[in-house]
Amino acid sequence: MERFSYRYTLSKRALKLYEDYGEVRAWFDEFSTVRSPRTACDYVDMLADFLEGCGMSPGELVEMNSAQAFQVMKNWALEEMRRGGRSTGRLYTIWNAVKSFLKFHGIEVKNKPPLQERR
């Protein structure tokens, strides 16, 4: 039985984050052990999407305090809502992936996303 390999399950941009940033590698390795490896892969891909959208690196994100991180997340979520390209559910999922990454690095974002259900 072959052991799980991140190389075959991460998207290209998630693989680049994994290989280039120790912050992401440590989070992914623990998350895939404690939770599901598939969920860990999805979360790294969502983190890559978030970081690309706000123009930051993982290192810059983990250097923030809780209030700063929330402000960046809030601005990103509001901009994504304005664009209208994603469902509210997808934005919540990405929000939770970023919160998980931050929590792993000792940054607790307790605020809820500023998203309202579309009617």
PDB file of N, CA and C in Angstrom:
ATOM      1  N   MET A   1       0.842  -1.185   0.000  1.00  0.00           N
ATOM      2  CA  MET A   1       0.000   0.000   0.000  1.00  0.00           C
ATOM      3  C   MET A   1       0.885   1.245   0.000  1.00  0.00           C
ATOM      4  N   GLU A   2       0.636   2.113  -0.955  1.00  0.00           N
ATOM      5  CA  GLU A   2       1.442   3.323  -1.069  1.00  0.00           C
ATOM      6  C   GLU A   2       0.993   4.372  -0.069  1.00  0.00           C
ATOM      7  N   ARG A   3       1.944   5.020   0.537  1.00  0.00           N
ATOM      8  CA  ARG A   3       1.658   6.074   1.503  1.00  0.00           C
ATOM      9  C   ARG A   3       1.187   7.331   0.770  1.00  0.00           C
ATOM     10  N   PHE A   4       0.381   8.145   1.454  1.00  0.00           N
ATOM     11  CA  PHE A   4      -0.141   9.392   0.896  1.00  0.00           C
ATOM     12  C   PHE A   4       1.000  10.294   0.451  1.00  0.00           C
ATOM     13  N   SER A   5       0.882  10.874  -0.717  1.00  0.00           N
ATOM     14  CA  SER A   5       1.892  11.785  -1.229  1.00  0.00           C
ATOM     15  C   SER A   5       1.235  13.093  -1.644  1.00  0.00           C
ATOM     16  N   TYR A   6       1.706  14.204  -1.098  1.00  0.00           N
ATOM     17  CA  TYR A   6       1.132  15.502  -1.419  1.00  0.00           C
ATOM     18  C   TYR A   6       1.328  15.867  -2.883  1.00  0.00           C
ATOM     19  N   ARG A   7       2.355  15.338  -3.520  1.00  0.00           N
ATOM     20  CA  ARG A   7       2.673  15.713  -4.894  1.00  0.00           C
ATOM     21  C   ARG A   7       1.567  15.352  -5.881  1.00  0.00           C
ATOM     22  N   TYR A   8       0.786  14.374  -5.572  1.00  0.00           N
ATOM     23  CA  TYR A   8      -0.240  13.928  -6.505  1.00  0.00           C
ATOM     24  C   TYR A   8      -1.617  14.484  -6.210  1.00  0.00           C
ATOM     25  N   THR A   9      -1.769  15.225  -5.129  1.00  0.00           N
ATOM     26  CA  THR A   9      -3.092  15.685  -4.765  1.00  0.00           C
ATOM     27  C   THR A   9      -3.219  17.207  -4.665  1.00  0.00           C
ATOM     28  N   LEU A  10      -2.143  17.916  -4.499  1.00  0.00           N
ATOM     29  CA  LEU A  10      -2.211  19.366  -4.422  1.00  0.00           C
ATOM     30  C   LEU A  10      -2.240  19.967  -5.827  1.00  0.00           C
ATOM     31  N   SER A  11      -2.994  21.037  -5.981  1.00  0.00           N
ATOM     32  CA  SER A  11      -2.979  21.767  -7.254  1.00  0.00           C
ATOM     33  C   SER A  11      -1.596  22.395  -7.424  1.00  0.00           C
ATOM     34  N   LYS A  12      -1.305  22.897  -8.611  1.00  0.00           N
ATOM     35  CA  LYS A  12       0.019  23.480  -8.869  1.00  0.00           C
ATOM     36  C   LYS A  12       0.323  24.650  -7.947  1.00  0.00           C
ATOM     37  N   ARG A  13      -0.660  25.543  -7.779  1.00  0.00           N
ATOM     38  CA  ARG A  13      -0.383  26.705  -6.931  1.00  0.00           C
ATOM     39  C   ARG A  13      -0.299  26.317  -5.458  1.00  0.00           C
ATOM     40  N   ALA A  14      -1.078  25.318  -5.025  1.00  0.00           N
ATOM     41  CA  ALA A  14      -0.993  24.845  -3.649  1.00  0.00           C
ATOM     42  C   ALA A  14       0.342  24.135  -3.418  1.00  0.00           C
ATOM     43  N   LEU A  15       0.794  23.379  -4.390  1.00  0.00           N
ATOM     44  CA  LEU A  15       2.090  22.703  -4.288  1.00  0.00           C
ATOM     45  C   LEU A  15       3.216  23.724  -4.168  1.00  0.00           C
ATOM     46  N   LYS A  16       3.118  24.806  -4.935  1.00  0.00           N
ATOM     47  CA  LYS A  16       4.135  25.867  -4.847  1.00  0.00           C
ATOM     48  C   LYS A  16       4.160  26.480  -3.441  1.00  0.00           C
ATOM     49  N   LEU A  17       2.975  26.750  -2.878  1.00  0.00           N
ATOM     50  CA  LEU A  17       2.913  27.269  -1.500  1.00  0.00           C
ATOM     51  C   LEU A  17       3.545  26.276  -0.535  1.00  0.00           C
ATOM     52  N   TYR A  18       3.200  24.996  -0.694  1.00  0.00           N
ATOM     53  CA  TYR A  18       3.716  23.955   0.194  1.00  0.00           C
ATOM     54  C   TYR A  18       5.243  23.903   0.130  1.00  0.00           C
ATOM     55  N   GLU A  19       5.775  23.938  -1.064  1.00  0.00           N
ATOM     56  CA  GLU A  19       7.224  23.802  -1.229  1.00  0.00           C
ATOM     57  C   GLU A  19       7.994  25.067  -0.847  1.00  0.00           C
ATOM     58  N   ASP A  20       7.397  26.243  -1.051  1.00  0.00           N
ATOM     59  CA  ASP A  20       8.118  27.499  -0.842  1.00  0.00           C
ATOM     60  C   ASP A  20       8.010  28.075   0.570  1.00  0.00           C
ATOM     61  N   TYR A  21       6.992  27.672   1.326  1.00  0.00           N
ATOM     62  CA  TYR A  21       6.752  28.306   2.627  1.00  0.00           C
ATOM     63  C   TYR A  21       6.633  27.274   3.747  1.00  0.00           C
ATOM     64  N   GLY A  22       7.560  27.356   4.691  1.00  0.00           N
ATOM     65  CA  GLY A  22       7.538  26.457   5.836  1.00  0.00           C
ATOM     66  C   GLY A  22       6.281  26.597   6.672  1.00  0.00           C
ATOM     67  N   GLU A  23       5.706  27.809   6.694  1.00  0.00           N
ATOM     68  CA  GLU A  23       4.470  28.031   7.456  1.00  0.00           C
ATOM     69  C   GLU A  23       3.335  27.164   6.913  1.00  0.00           C
ATOM     70  N   VAL A  24       3.270  27.067   5.600  1.00  0.00           N
ATOM     71  CA  VAL A  24       2.215  26.272   4.961  1.00  0.00           C
ATOM     72  C   VAL A  24       2.519  24.788   5.119  1.00  0.00           C
ATOM     73  N   ARG A  25       3.768  24.420   4.956  1.00  0.00           N
ATOM     74  CA  ARG A  25       4.170  23.017   5.067  1.00  0.00           C
ATOM     75  C   ARG A  25       3.858  22.453   6.449  1.00  0.00           C
ATOM     76  N   ALA A  26       4.190  23.201   7.492  1.00  0.00           N
ATOM     77  CA  ALA A  26       3.927  22.739   8.863  1.00  0.00           C
ATOM     78  C   ALA A  26       2.428  22.581   9.105  1.00  0.00           C
ATOM     79  N   TRP A  27       1.650  23.559   8.665  1.00  0.00           N
ATOM     80  CA  TRP A  27       0.191  23.512   8.823  1.00  0.00           C
ATOM     81  C   TRP A  27      -0.397  22.332   8.065  1.00  0.00           C
ATOM     82  N   PHE A  28      -0.004  22.175   6.812  1.00  0.00           N
ATOM     83  CA  PHE A  28      -0.525  21.090   5.989  1.00  0.00           C
ATOM     84  C   PHE A  28      -0.185  19.732   6.594  1.00  0.00           C
ATOM     85  N   ASP A  29       1.070  19.552   7.001  1.00  0.00           N
ATOM     86  CA  ASP A  29       1.493  18.257   7.533  1.00  0.00           C
ATOM     87  C   ASP A  29       0.710  17.879   8.787  1.00  0.00           C
ATOM     88  N   GLU A  30       0.496  18.840   9.681  1.00  0.00           N
ATOM     89  CA  GLU A  30      -0.284  18.541  10.882  1.00  0.00           C
ATOM     90  C   GLU A  30      -1.755  18.349  10.544  1.00  0.00           C
ATOM     91  N   PHE A  31      -2.293  19.210   9.720  1.00  0.00           N
ATOM     92  CA  PHE A  31      -3.719  19.143   9.375  1.00  0.00           C
ATOM     93  C   PHE A  31      -4.051  17.835   8.675  1.00  0.00           C
ATOM     94  N   SER A  32      -3.183  17.380   7.766  1.00  0.00           N
ATOM     95  CA  SER A  32      -3.460  16.142   7.039  1.00  0.00           C
ATOM     96  C   SER A  32      -3.337  14.922   7.937  1.00  0.00           C
ATOM     97  N   THR A  33      -2.617  15.040   9.044  1.00  0.00           N
ATOM     98  CA  THR A  33      -2.511  13.933   9.998  1.00  0.00           C
ATOM     99  C   THR A  33      -3.706  13.918  10.936  1.00  0.00           C
ATOM    100  N   VAL A  34      -4.083  15.076  11.439  1.00  0.00           N
ATOM    101  CA  VAL A  34      -5.167  15.187  12.408  1.00  0.00           C
ATOM    102  C   VAL A  34      -6.530  15.073  11.730  1.00  0.00           C
ATOM    103  N   ARG A  35      -6.681  15.682  10.580  1.00  0.00           N
ATOM    104  CA  ARG A  35      -7.946  15.668   9.839  1.00  0.00           C
ATOM    105  C   ARG A  35      -7.780  14.806   8.600  1.00  0.00           C
ATOM    106  N   SER A  36      -8.479  15.136   7.578  1.00  0.00           N
ATOM    107  CA  SER A  36      -8.435  14.393   6.324  1.00  0.00           C
ATOM    108  C   SER A  36      -7.360  14.949   5.392  1.00  0.00           C
ATOM    109  N   PRO A  37      -6.552  14.075   4.764  1.00  0.00           N
ATOM    110  CA  PRO A  37      -5.585  14.576   3.785  1.00  0.00           C
ATOM    111  C   PRO A  37      -6.265  15.314   2.626  1.00  0.00           C
ATOM    112  N   ARG A  38      -7.426  14.874   2.221  1.00  0.00           N
ATOM    113  CA  ARG A  38      -8.152  15.535   1.130  1.00  0.00           C
ATOM    114  C   ARG A  38      -8.572  16.949   1.544  1.00  0.00           C
ATOM    115  N   THR A  39      -9.069  17.095   2.775  1.00  0.00           N
ATOM    116  CA  THR A  39      -9.455  18.410   3.276  1.00  0.00           C
ATOM    117  C   THR A  39      -8.225  19.306   3.377  1.00  0.00           C
ATOM    118  N   ALA A  40      -7.108  18.758   3.822  1.00  0.00           N
ATOM    119  CA  ALA A  40      -5.871  19.528   3.921  1.00  0.00           C
ATOM    120  C   ALA A  40      -5.469  20.058   2.546  1.00  0.00           C
ATOM    121  N   CYS A  41      -5.573  19.227   1.525  1.00  0.00           N
ATOM    122  CA  CYS A  41      -5.246  19.664   0.160  1.00  0.00           C
ATOM    123  C   CYS A  41      -6.185  20.781  -0.289  1.00  0.00           C
ATOM    124  N   ASP A  42      -7.464  20.607  -0.028  1.00  0.00           N
ATOM    125  CA  ASP A  42      -8.438  21.636  -0.403  1.00  0.00           C
ATOM    126  C   ASP A  42      -8.154  22.947   0.320  1.00  0.00           C
ATOM    127  N   TYR A  43      -7.834  22.858   1.617  1.00  0.00           N
ATOM    128  CA  TYR A  43      -7.574  24.068   2.399  1.00  0.00           C
ATOM    129  C   TYR A  43      -6.325  24.801   1.901  1.00  0.00           C
ATOM    130  N   VAL A  44      -5.288  24.074   1.517  1.00  0.00           N
ATOM    131  CA  VAL A  44      -4.090  24.741   0.999  1.00  0.00           C
ATOM    132  C   VAL A  44      -4.424  25.439  -0.320  1.00  0.00           C
ATOM    133  N   ASP A  45      -5.242  24.805  -1.141  1.00  0.00           N
ATOM    134  CA  ASP A  45      -5.649  25.436  -2.394  1.00  0.00           C
ATOM    135  C   ASP A  45      -6.476  26.698  -2.126  1.00  0.00           C
ATOM    136  N   MET A  46      -7.351  26.637  -1.133  1.00  0.00           N
ATOM    137  CA  MET A  46      -8.151  27.812  -0.776  1.00  0.00           C
ATOM    138  C   MET A  46      -7.277  28.922  -0.209  1.00  0.00           C
ATOM    139  N   LEU A  47      -6.282  28.551   0.596  1.00  0.00           N
ATOM    140  CA  LEU A  47      -5.345  29.541   1.123  1.00  0.00           C
ATOM    141  C   LEU A  47      -4.599  30.212  -0.026  1.00  0.00           C
ATOM    142  N   ALA A  48      -4.189  29.429  -1.014  1.00  0.00           N
ATOM    143  CA  ALA A  48      -3.506  29.992  -2.184  1.00  0.00           C
ATOM    144  C   ALA A  48      -4.414  30.979  -2.915  1.00  0.00           C
ATOM    145  N   ASP A  49      -5.673  30.635  -3.038  1.00  0.00           N
ATOM    146  CA  ASP A  49      -6.652  31.510  -3.682  1.00  0.00           C
ATOM    147  C   ASP A  49      -6.790  32.823  -2.910  1.00  0.00           C
ATOM    148  N   PHE A  50      -6.912  32.711  -1.600  1.00  0.00           N
ATOM    149  CA  PHE A  50      -7.028  33.895  -0.742  1.00  0.00           C
ATOM    150  C   PHE A  50      -5.794  34.782  -0.860  1.00  0.00           C
ATOM    151  N   LEU A  51      -4.614  34.189  -0.732  1.00  0.00           N
ATOM    152  CA  LEU A  51      -3.374  34.962  -0.777  1.00  0.00           C
ATOM    153  C   LEU A  51      -3.187  35.642  -2.129  1.00  0.00           C
ATOM    154  N   GLU A  52      -3.559  34.950  -3.181  1.00  0.00           N
ATOM    155  CA  GLU A  52      -3.483  35.540  -4.516  1.00  0.00           C
ATOM    156  C   GLU A  52      -4.442  36.729  -4.622  1.00  0.00           C
ATOM    157  N   GLY A  53      -5.628  36.580  -4.052  1.00  0.00           N
ATOM    158  CA  GLY A  53      -6.631  37.639  -4.101  1.00  0.00           C
ATOM    159  C   GLY A  53      -6.256  38.882  -3.316  1.00  0.00           C
ATOM    160  N   CYS A  54      -5.520  38.710  -2.236  1.00  0.00           N
ATOM    161  CA  CYS A  54      -5.160  39.885  -1.437  1.00  0.00           C
ATOM    162  C   CYS A  54      -3.693  40.282  -1.613  1.00  0.00           C
ATOM    163  N   GLY A  55      -2.958  39.572  -2.465  1.00  0.00           N
ATOM    164  CA  GLY A  55      -1.586  39.956  -2.782  1.00  0.00           C
ATOM    165  C   GLY A  55      -0.604  39.827  -1.649  1.00  0.00           C
ATOM    166  N   MET A  56      -0.746  38.785  -0.855  1.00  0.00           N
ATOM    167  CA  MET A  56       0.131  38.586   0.296  1.00  0.00           C
ATOM    168  C   MET A  56       0.829  37.240   0.206  1.00  0.00           C
ATOM    169  N   SER A  57       1.852  37.077   1.027  1.00  0.00           N
ATOM    170  CA  SER A  57       2.510  35.781   1.188  1.00  0.00           C
ATOM    171  C   SER A  57       2.068  35.197   2.527  1.00  0.00           C
ATOM    172  N   PRO A  58       2.232  33.892   2.719  1.00  0.00           N
ATOM    173  CA  PRO A  58       1.885  33.299   4.014  1.00  0.00           C
ATOM    174  C   PRO A  58       2.672  33.927   5.173  1.00  0.00           C
ATOM    175  N   GLY A  59       3.933  34.265   4.929  1.00  0.00           N
ATOM    176  CA  GLY A  59       4.754  34.887   5.965  1.00  0.00           C
ATOM    177  C   GLY A  59       4.212  36.231   6.400  1.00  0.00           C
ATOM    178  N   GLU A  60       3.740  37.023   5.447  1.00  0.00           N
ATOM    179  CA  GLU A  60       3.157  38.326   5.772  1.00  0.00           C
ATOM    180  C   GLU A  60       1.869  38.147   6.575  1.00  0.00           C
ATOM    181  N   LEU A  61       1.107  37.135   6.229  1.00  0.00           N
ATOM    182  CA  LEU A  61      -0.157  36.895   6.919  1.00  0.00           C
ATOM    183  C   LEU A  61       0.057  36.497   8.377  1.00  0.00           C
ATOM    184  N   VAL A  62       1.032  35.634   8.636  1.00  0.00           N
ATOM    185  CA  VAL A  62       1.243  35.177  10.018  1.00  0.00           C
ATOM    186  C   VAL A  62       1.971  36.206  10.879  1.00  0.00           C
ATOM    187  N   GLU A  63       2.466  37.276  10.282  1.00  0.00           N
ATOM    188  CA  GLU A  63       3.099  38.339  11.066  1.00  0.00           C
ATOM    189  C   GLU A  63       2.078  39.327  11.623  1.00  0.00           C
ATOM    190  N   MET A  64       0.834  39.208  11.202  1.00  0.00           N
ATOM    191  CA  MET A  64      -0.219  40.132  11.648  1.00  0.00           C
ATOM    192  C   MET A  64      -0.783  39.707  12.992  1.00  0.00           C
ATOM    193  N   ASN A  65      -1.403  40.675  13.664  1.00  0.00           N
ATOM    194  CA  ASN A  65      -2.156  40.318  14.862  1.00  0.00           C
ATOM    195  C   ASN A  65      -3.582  39.968  14.441  1.00  0.00           C
ATOM    196  N   SER A  66      -4.390  39.583  15.386  1.00  0.00           N
ATOM    197  CA  SER A  66      -5.754  39.134  15.101  1.00  0.00           C
ATOM    198  C   SER A  66      -6.595  40.199  14.401  1.00  0.00           C
ATOM    199  N   ALA A  67      -6.514  41.433  14.870  1.00  0.00           N
ATOM    200  CA  ALA A  67      -7.313  42.514  14.293  1.00  0.00           C
ATOM    201  C   ALA A  67      -6.880  42.821  12.862  1.00  0.00           C
ATOM    202  N   GLN A  68      -5.587  42.834  12.622  1.00  0.00           N
ATOM    203  CA  GLN A  68      -5.089  43.092  11.273  1.00  0.00           C
ATOM    204  C   GLN A  68      -5.494  41.977  10.313  1.00  0.00           C
ATOM    205  N   ALA A  69      -5.368  40.740  10.777  1.00  0.00           N
ATOM    206  CA  ALA A  69      -5.736  39.598   9.939  1.00  0.00           C
ATOM    207  C   ALA A  69      -7.226  39.644   9.604  1.00  0.00           C
ATOM    208  N   PHE A  70      -8.051  39.976  10.599  1.00  0.00           N
ATOM    209  CA  PHE A  70      -9.484  40.080  10.334  1.00  0.00           C
ATOM    210  C   PHE A  70      -9.767  41.162   9.299  1.00  0.00           C
ATOM    211  N   GLN A  71      -9.091  42.287   9.393  1.00  0.00           N
ATOM    212  CA  GLN A  71      -9.323  43.381   8.444  1.00  0.00           C
ATOM    213  C   GLN A  71      -8.969  42.956   7.021  1.00  0.00           C
ATOM    214  N   VAL A  72      -7.854  42.255   6.854  1.00  0.00           N
ATOM    215  CA  VAL A  72      -7.461  41.764   5.529  1.00  0.00           C
ATOM    216  C   VAL A  72      -8.499  40.766   5.015  1.00  0.00           C
ATOM    217  N   MET A  73      -8.936  39.861   5.888  1.00  0.00           N
ATOM    218  CA  MET A  73      -9.938  38.866   5.493  1.00  0.00           C
ATOM    219  C   MET A  73     -11.259  39.537   5.132  1.00  0.00           C
ATOM    220  N   LYS A  74     -11.646  40.522   5.918  1.00  0.00           N
ATOM    221  CA  LYS A  74     -12.900  41.238   5.672  1.00  0.00           C
ATOM    222  C   LYS A  74     -12.854  41.964   4.332  1.00  0.00           C
ATOM    223  N   ASN A  75     -11.759  42.686   4.085  1.00  0.00           N
ATOM    224  CA  ASN A  75     -11.617  43.403   2.814  1.00  0.00           C
ATOM    225  C   ASN A  75     -11.654  42.443   1.627  1.00  0.00           C
ATOM    226  N   TRP A  76     -10.992  41.298   1.774  1.00  0.00           N
ATOM    227  CA  TRP A  76     -10.994  40.294   0.715  1.00  0.00           C
ATOM    228  C   TRP A  76     -12.413  39.781   0.469  1.00  0.00           C
ATOM    229  N   ALA A  77     -13.131  39.441   1.550  1.00  0.00           N
ATOM    230  CA  ALA A  77     -14.488  38.898   1.415  1.00  0.00           C
ATOM    231  C   ALA A  77     -15.428  39.907   0.775  1.00  0.00           C
ATOM    232  N   LEU A  78     -15.345  41.153   1.178  1.00  0.00           N
ATOM    233  CA  LEU A  78     -16.210  42.185   0.598  1.00  0.00           C
ATOM    234  C   LEU A  78     -15.918  42.396  -0.886  1.00  0.00           C
ATOM    235  N   GLU A  79     -14.642  42.366  -1.233  1.00  0.00           N
ATOM    236  CA  GLU A  79     -14.271  42.513  -2.646  1.00  0.00           C
ATOM    237  C   GLU A  79     -14.788  41.323  -3.466  1.00  0.00           C
ATOM    238  N   GLU A  80     -14.681  40.136  -2.918  1.00  0.00           N
ATOM    239  CA  GLU A  80     -15.188  38.950  -3.615  1.00  0.00           C
ATOM    240  C   GLU A  80     -16.708  39.013  -3.773  1.00  0.00           C
ATOM    241  N   MET A  81     -17.391  39.539  -2.765  1.00  0.00           N
ATOM    242  CA  MET A  81     -18.847  39.687  -2.861  1.00  0.00           C
ATOM    243  C   MET A  81     -19.211  40.697  -3.952  1.00  0.00           C
ATOM    244  N   ARG A  82     -18.439  41.772  -4.048  1.00  0.00           N
ATOM    245  CA  ARG A  82     -18.700  42.784  -5.083  1.00  0.00           C
ATOM    246  C   ARG A  82     -18.537  42.192  -6.480  1.00  0.00           C
ATOM    247  N   ARG A  83     -17.512  41.376  -6.644  1.00  0.00           N
ATOM    248  CA  ARG A  83     -17.279  40.735  -7.936  1.00  0.00           C
ATOM    249  C   ARG A  83     -18.399  39.769  -8.299  1.00  0.00           C
ATOM    250  N   GLY A  84     -18.924  39.085  -7.286  1.00  0.00           N
ATOM    251  CA  GLY A  84     -20.045  38.180  -7.507  1.00  0.00           C
ATOM    252  C   GLY A  84     -19.709  36.875  -8.196  1.00  0.00           C
ATOM    253  N   GLY A  85     -18.460  36.516  -8.276  1.00  0.00           N
ATOM    254  CA  GLY A  85     -18.066  35.296  -8.966  1.00  0.00           C
ATOM    255  C   GLY A  85     -18.171  34.024  -8.144  1.00  0.00           C
ATOM    256  N   ARG A  86     -18.397  34.170  -6.848  1.00  0.00           N
ATOM    257  CA  ARG A  86     -18.424  32.996  -5.966  1.00  0.00           C
ATOM    258  C   ARG A  86     -19.658  33.017  -5.094  1.00  0.00           C
ATOM    259  N   SER A  87     -20.087  31.831  -4.727  1.00  0.00           N
ATOM    260  CA  SER A  87     -21.238  31.738  -3.831  1.00  0.00           C
ATOM    261  C   SER A  87     -20.814  32.107  -2.411  1.00  0.00           C
ATOM    262  N   THR A  88     -21.781  32.471  -1.614  1.00  0.00           N
ATOM    263  CA  THR A  88     -21.513  32.794  -0.212  1.00  0.00           C
ATOM    264  C   THR A  88     -20.941  31.575   0.503  1.00  0.00           C
ATOM    265  N   GLY A  89     -21.457  30.409   0.179  1.00  0.00           N
ATOM    266  CA  GLY A  89     -20.952  29.176   0.793  1.00  0.00           C
ATOM    267  C   GLY A  89     -19.483  28.946   0.509  1.00  0.00           C
ATOM    268  N   ARG A  90     -19.068  29.206  -0.721  1.00  0.00           N
ATOM    269  CA  ARG A  90     -17.659  29.036  -1.090  1.00  0.00           C
ATOM    270  C   ARG A  90     -16.796  30.050  -0.346  1.00  0.00           C
ATOM    271  N   LEU A  91     -17.279  31.276  -0.212  1.00  0.00           N
ATOM    272  CA  LEU A  91     -16.526  32.290   0.528  1.00  0.00           C
ATOM    273  C   LEU A  91     -16.388  31.908   2.002  1.00  0.00           C
ATOM    274  N   TYR A  92     -17.433  31.344   2.591  1.00  0.00           N
ATOM    275  CA  TYR A  92     -17.346  30.867   3.981  1.00  0.00           C
ATOM    276  C   TYR A  92     -16.295  29.773   4.112  1.00  0.00           C
ATOM    277  N   THR A  93     -16.254  28.875   3.144  1.00  0.00           N
ATOM    278  CA  THR A  93     -15.294  27.775   3.187  1.00  0.00           C
ATOM    279  C   THR A  93     -13.862  28.293   3.101  1.00  0.00           C
ATOM    280  N   ILE A  94     -13.620  29.242   2.211  1.00  0.00           N
ATOM    281  CA  ILE A  94     -12.285  29.832   2.097  1.00  0.00           C
ATOM    282  C   ILE A  94     -11.942  30.582   3.389  1.00  0.00           C
ATOM    283  N   TRP A  95     -12.906  31.311   3.933  1.00  0.00           N
ATOM    284  CA  TRP A  95     -12.721  32.036   5.205  1.00  0.00           C
ATOM    285  C   TRP A  95     -12.267  31.054   6.297  1.00  0.00           C
ATOM    286  N   ASN A  96     -12.929  29.912   6.379  1.00  0.00           N
ATOM    287  CA  ASN A  96     -12.581  28.921   7.406  1.00  0.00           C
ATOM    288  C   ASN A  96     -11.204  28.311   7.177  1.00  0.00           C
ATOM    289  N   ALA A  97     -10.817  28.133   5.932  1.00  0.00           N
ATOM    290  CA  ALA A  97      -9.477  27.618   5.638  1.00  0.00           C
ATOM    291  C   ALA A  97      -8.411  28.612   6.115  1.00  0.00           C
ATOM    292  N   VAL A  98      -8.635  29.893   5.835  1.00  0.00           N
ATOM    293  CA  VAL A  98      -7.672  30.924   6.255  1.00  0.00           C
ATOM    294  C   VAL A  98      -7.635  31.009   7.786  1.00  0.00           C
ATOM    295  N   LYS A  99      -8.811  30.931   8.431  1.00  0.00           N
ATOM    296  CA  LYS A  99      -8.852  30.944   9.902  1.00  0.00           C
ATOM    297  C   LYS A  99      -8.068  29.768  10.482  1.00  0.00           C
ATOM    298  N   SER A 100      -8.194  28.605   9.858  1.00  0.00           N
ATOM    299  CA  SER A 100      -7.470  27.425  10.313  1.00  0.00           C
ATOM    300  C   SER A 100      -5.962  27.640  10.222  1.00  0.00           C
ATOM    301  N   PHE A 101      -5.515  28.205   9.106  1.00  0.00           N
ATOM    302  CA  PHE A 101      -4.095  28.496   8.924  1.00  0.00           C
ATOM    303  C   PHE A 101      -3.593  29.467   9.991  1.00  0.00           C
ATOM    304  N   LEU A 102      -4.367  30.531  10.207  1.00  0.00           N
ATOM    305  CA  LEU A 102      -3.981  31.525  11.204  1.00  0.00           C
ATOM    306  C   LEU A 102      -3.979  30.938  12.615  1.00  0.00           C
ATOM    307  N   LYS A 103      -4.990  30.156  12.930  1.00  0.00           N
ATOM    308  CA  LYS A 103      -5.087  29.551  14.261  1.00  0.00           C
ATOM    309  C   LYS A 103      -3.884  28.640  14.529  1.00  0.00           C
ATOM    310  N   PHE A 104      -3.475  27.892  13.519  1.00  0.00           N
ATOM    311  CA  PHE A 104      -2.303  27.026  13.659  1.00  0.00           C
ATOM    312  C   PHE A 104      -1.077  27.852  14.042  1.00  0.00           C
ATOM    313  N   HIS A 105      -1.017  29.081  13.562  1.00  0.00           N
ATOM    314  CA  HIS A 105       0.125  29.954  13.844  1.00  0.00           C
ATOM    315  C   HIS A 105      -0.125  30.901  15.018  1.00  0.00           C
ATOM    316  N   GLY A 106      -1.131  30.604  15.823  1.00  0.00           N
ATOM    317  CA  GLY A 106      -1.379  31.354  17.053  1.00  0.00           C
ATOM    318  C   GLY A 106      -2.146  32.651  16.886  1.00  0.00           C
ATOM    319  N   ILE A 107      -2.809  32.818  15.766  1.00  0.00           N
ATOM    320  CA  ILE A 107      -3.586  34.039  15.524  1.00  0.00           C
ATOM    321  C   ILE A 107      -5.057  33.650  15.478  1.00  0.00           C
ATOM    322  N   GLU A 108      -5.791  34.059  16.479  1.00  0.00           N
ATOM    323  CA  GLU A 108      -7.197  33.693  16.614  1.00  0.00           C
ATOM    324  C   GLU A 108      -8.088  34.782  16.030  1.00  0.00           C
ATOM    325  N   VAL A 109      -8.785  34.469  14.947  1.00  0.00           N
ATOM    326  CA  VAL A 109      -9.752  35.387  14.346  1.00  0.00           C
ATOM    327  C   VAL A 109     -11.136  34.870  14.716  1.00  0.00           C
ATOM    328  N   LYS A 110     -11.770  35.545  15.666  1.00  0.00           N
ATOM    329  CA  LYS A 110     -13.065  35.080  16.160  1.00  0.00           C
ATOM    330  C   LYS A 110     -14.242  35.725  15.440  1.00  0.00           C
ATOM    331  N   ASN A 111     -13.986  36.802  14.736  1.00  0.00           N
ATOM    332  CA  ASN A 111     -15.063  37.501  14.037  1.00  0.00           C
ATOM    333  C   ASN A 111     -15.619  36.645  12.904  1.00  0.00           C
ATOM    334  N   LYS A 112     -16.886  36.837  12.639  1.00  0.00           N
ATOM    335  CA  LYS A 112     -17.525  36.119  11.543  1.00  0.00           C
ATOM    336  C   LYS A 112     -17.333  36.899  10.253  1.00  0.00           C
ATOM    337  N   PRO A 113     -17.402  36.199   9.126  1.00  0.00           N
ATOM    338  CA  PRO A 113     -17.250  36.911   7.852  1.00  0.00           C
ATOM    339  C   PRO A 113     -18.412  37.868   7.601  1.00  0.00           C
ATOM    340  N   PRO A 114     -18.133  38.984   6.945  1.00  0.00           N
ATOM    341  CA  PRO A 114     -19.175  39.997   6.687  1.00  0.00           C
ATOM    342  C   PRO A 114     -20.004  39.630   5.447  1.00  0.00           C
ATOM    343  N   LEU A 115     -20.519  38.433   5.426  1.00  0.00           N
ATOM    344  CA  LEU A 115     -21.254  37.955   4.252  1.00  0.00           C
ATOM    345  C   LEU A 115     -22.723  37.794   4.594  1.00  0.00           C
ATOM    346  N   GLN A 116     -23.548  38.164   3.661  1.00  0.00           N
ATOM    347  CA  GLN A 116     -24.985  37.975   3.839  1.00  0.00           C
ATOM    348  C   GLN A 116     -25.472  37.059   2.742  1.00  0.00           C
ATOM    349  N   GLU A 117     -26.444  36.263   3.077  1.00  0.00           N
ATOM    350  CA  GLU A 117     -27.038  35.362   2.083  1.00  0.00           C
ATOM    351  C   GLU A 117     -27.659  36.181   0.979  1.00  0.00           C
ATOM    352  N   ARG A 118     -27.449  35.747  -0.239  1.00  0.00           N
ATOM    353  CA  ARG A 118     -28.100  36.401  -1.381  1.00  0.00           C
ATOM    354  C   ARG A 118     -29.511  35.875  -1.495  1.00  0.00           C
ATOM    355  N   ARG A 119     -30.411  36.744  -1.799  1.00  0.00           N
ATOM    356  CA  ARG A 119     -31.819  36.326  -1.949  1.00  0.00           C
ATOM    357  C   ARG A 119     -32.280  36.548  -3.358  1.00  0.00           C
TER     358      ARG A 119
END
